[in-house]
Amino acid sequence: MTDAFATLNPDLLHLCLSHVAHGRDAARAGATCKHWRAVASTERLWREICVKRWPSTAKLPRAPASHLE
């Protein structure tokens, strides 16, 4: 992997990962490096992936912050 991929802007990387066809692809991308894992493991990304695949999940409440620690 080149340094260019390791230093992608987190917002740009999030945008790219939010368009994957399946959540497993985002998880695989997260195995690329620490930077990608940090972006690929955010609640925001997974919420977007889940809502895209299962639209009814958009109405579910967010997890409390203490749950994410």
C-alpha atoms as a PDB file:
ATOM      1  CA  MET A   1       0.000   0.000   0.000  1.00  0.00           C
ATOM      2  CA  THR A   2       1.286   3.445  -0.825  1.00  0.00           C
ATOM      3  CA  ASP A   3       1.416   6.296   1.644  1.00  0.00           C
ATOM      4  CA  ALA A   4      -1.216   8.143  -0.417  1.00  0.00           C
ATOM      5  CA  PHE A   5      -3.872   5.605   0.571  1.00  0.00           C
ATOM      6  CA  ALA A   6      -2.785   5.584   4.202  1.00  0.00           C
ATOM      7  CA  THR A   7      -3.165   9.344   4.439  1.00  0.00           C
ATOM      8  CA  LEU A   8      -6.488   9.841   2.668  1.00  0.00           C
ATOM      9  CA  ASN A   9      -8.637  12.487   4.264  1.00  0.00           C
ATOM     10  CA  PRO A  10     -10.943  10.690   6.756  1.00  0.00           C
ATOM     11  CA  ASP A  11     -14.042  12.398   5.325  1.00  0.00           C
ATOM     12  CA  LEU A  12     -13.160  11.318   1.784  1.00  0.00           C
ATOM     13  CA  LEU A  13     -12.456   7.774   2.937  1.00  0.00           C
ATOM     14  CA  HIS A  14     -15.757   7.733   4.846  1.00  0.00           C
ATOM     15  CA  LEU A  15     -17.568   8.860   1.702  1.00  0.00           C
ATOM     16  CA  CYS A  16     -15.961   6.083  -0.328  1.00  0.00           C
ATOM     17  CA  LEU A  17     -16.691   3.407   2.262  1.00  0.00           C
ATOM     18  CA  SER A  18     -20.296   4.524   2.659  1.00  0.00           C
ATOM     19  CA  HIS A  19     -20.918   3.512  -0.973  1.00  0.00           C
ATOM     20  CA  VAL A  20     -19.751  -0.091  -0.706  1.00  0.00           C
ATOM     21  CA  ALA A  21     -22.257  -2.714  -1.765  1.00  0.00           C
ATOM     22  CA  HIS A  22     -22.092  -4.705   1.458  1.00  0.00           C
ATOM     23  CA  GLY A  23     -20.908  -4.136   5.003  1.00  0.00           C
ATOM     24  CA  ARG A  24     -18.378  -6.953   4.728  1.00  0.00           C
ATOM     25  CA  ASP A  25     -16.535  -4.874   2.117  1.00  0.00           C
ATOM     26  CA  ALA A  26     -16.237  -1.966   4.546  1.00  0.00           C
ATOM     27  CA  ALA A  27     -14.954  -4.385   7.181  1.00  0.00           C
ATOM     28  CA  ARG A  28     -12.380  -5.754   4.742  1.00  0.00           C
ATOM     29  CA  ALA A  29     -11.268  -2.233   3.859  1.00  0.00           C
ATOM     30  CA  GLY A  30     -10.818  -1.616   7.575  1.00  0.00           C
ATOM     31  CA  ALA A  31      -8.186  -4.353   7.620  1.00  0.00           C
ATOM     32  CA  THR A  32      -5.977  -2.298   5.288  1.00  0.00           C
ATOM     33  CA  CYS A  33      -4.234  -0.184   7.930  1.00  0.00           C
ATOM     34  CA  LYS A  34      -4.843   1.616  11.235  1.00  0.00           C
ATOM     35  CA  HIS A  35      -6.108   4.768   9.531  1.00  0.00           C
ATOM     36  CA  TRP A  36      -8.663   2.867   7.456  1.00  0.00           C
ATOM     37  CA  ARG A  37      -9.692   0.770  10.466  1.00  0.00           C
ATOM     38  CA  ALA A  38     -10.422   3.937  12.450  1.00  0.00           C
ATOM     39  CA  VAL A  39     -12.700   5.235   9.704  1.00  0.00           C
ATOM     40  CA  ALA A  40     -14.267   1.851   8.926  1.00  0.00           C
ATOM     41  CA  SER A  41     -15.233   1.251  12.550  1.00  0.00           C
ATOM     42  CA  THR A  42     -17.203   4.432  13.195  1.00  0.00           C
ATOM     43  CA  GLU A  43     -20.832   4.227  14.234  1.00  0.00           C
ATOM     44  CA  ARG A  44     -21.653   6.874  11.628  1.00  0.00           C
ATOM     45  CA  LEU A  45     -20.393   4.704   8.767  1.00  0.00           C
ATOM     46  CA  TRP A  46     -22.120   1.544   9.964  1.00  0.00           C
ATOM     47  CA  ARG A  47     -25.369   3.371  10.528  1.00  0.00           C
ATOM     48  CA  GLU A  48     -25.277   4.629   6.929  1.00  0.00           C
ATOM     49  CA  ILE A  49     -24.474   1.155   5.602  1.00  0.00           C
ATOM     50  CA  CYS A  50     -27.294  -0.418   7.635  1.00  0.00           C
ATOM     51  CA  VAL A  51     -29.844   2.221   6.633  1.00  0.00           C
ATOM     52  CA  LYS A  52     -28.942   1.759   2.971  1.00  0.00           C
ATOM     53  CA  ARG A  53     -29.397  -2.014   3.222  1.00  0.00           C
ATOM     54  CA  TRP A  54     -32.323  -1.987   5.686  1.00  0.00           C
ATOM     55  CA  PRO A  55     -34.145   1.382   5.419  1.00  0.00           C
ATOM     56  CA  SER A  56     -36.318   0.663   8.460  1.00  0.00           C
ATOM     57  CA  THR A  57     -33.228   0.909  10.690  1.00  0.00           C
ATOM     58  CA  ALA A  58     -33.199   4.681  10.121  1.00  0.00           C
ATOM     59  CA  LYS A  59     -35.847   4.985  12.821  1.00  0.00           C
ATOM     60  CA  LEU A  60     -33.856   3.112  15.449  1.00  0.00           C
ATOM     61  CA  PRO A  61     -32.388   5.209  18.262  1.00  0.00           C
ATOM     62  CA  ARG A  62     -28.652   5.785  18.355  1.00  0.00           C
ATOM     63  CA  ALA A  63     -26.594   3.827  20.853  1.00  0.00           C
ATOM     64  CA  PRO A  64     -25.686   5.823  23.974  1.00  0.00           C
ATOM     65  CA  ALA A  65     -22.135   7.178  23.987  1.00  0.00           C
ATOM     66  CA  SER A  66     -21.223   4.992  26.981  1.00  0.00           C
ATOM     67  CA  HIS A  67     -22.075   1.919  24.891  1.00  0.00           C
ATOM     68  CA  LEU A  68     -19.429   2.853  22.336  1.00  0.00           C
ATOM     69  CA  GLU A  69     -16.496   3.012  24.723  1.00  0.00           C
END
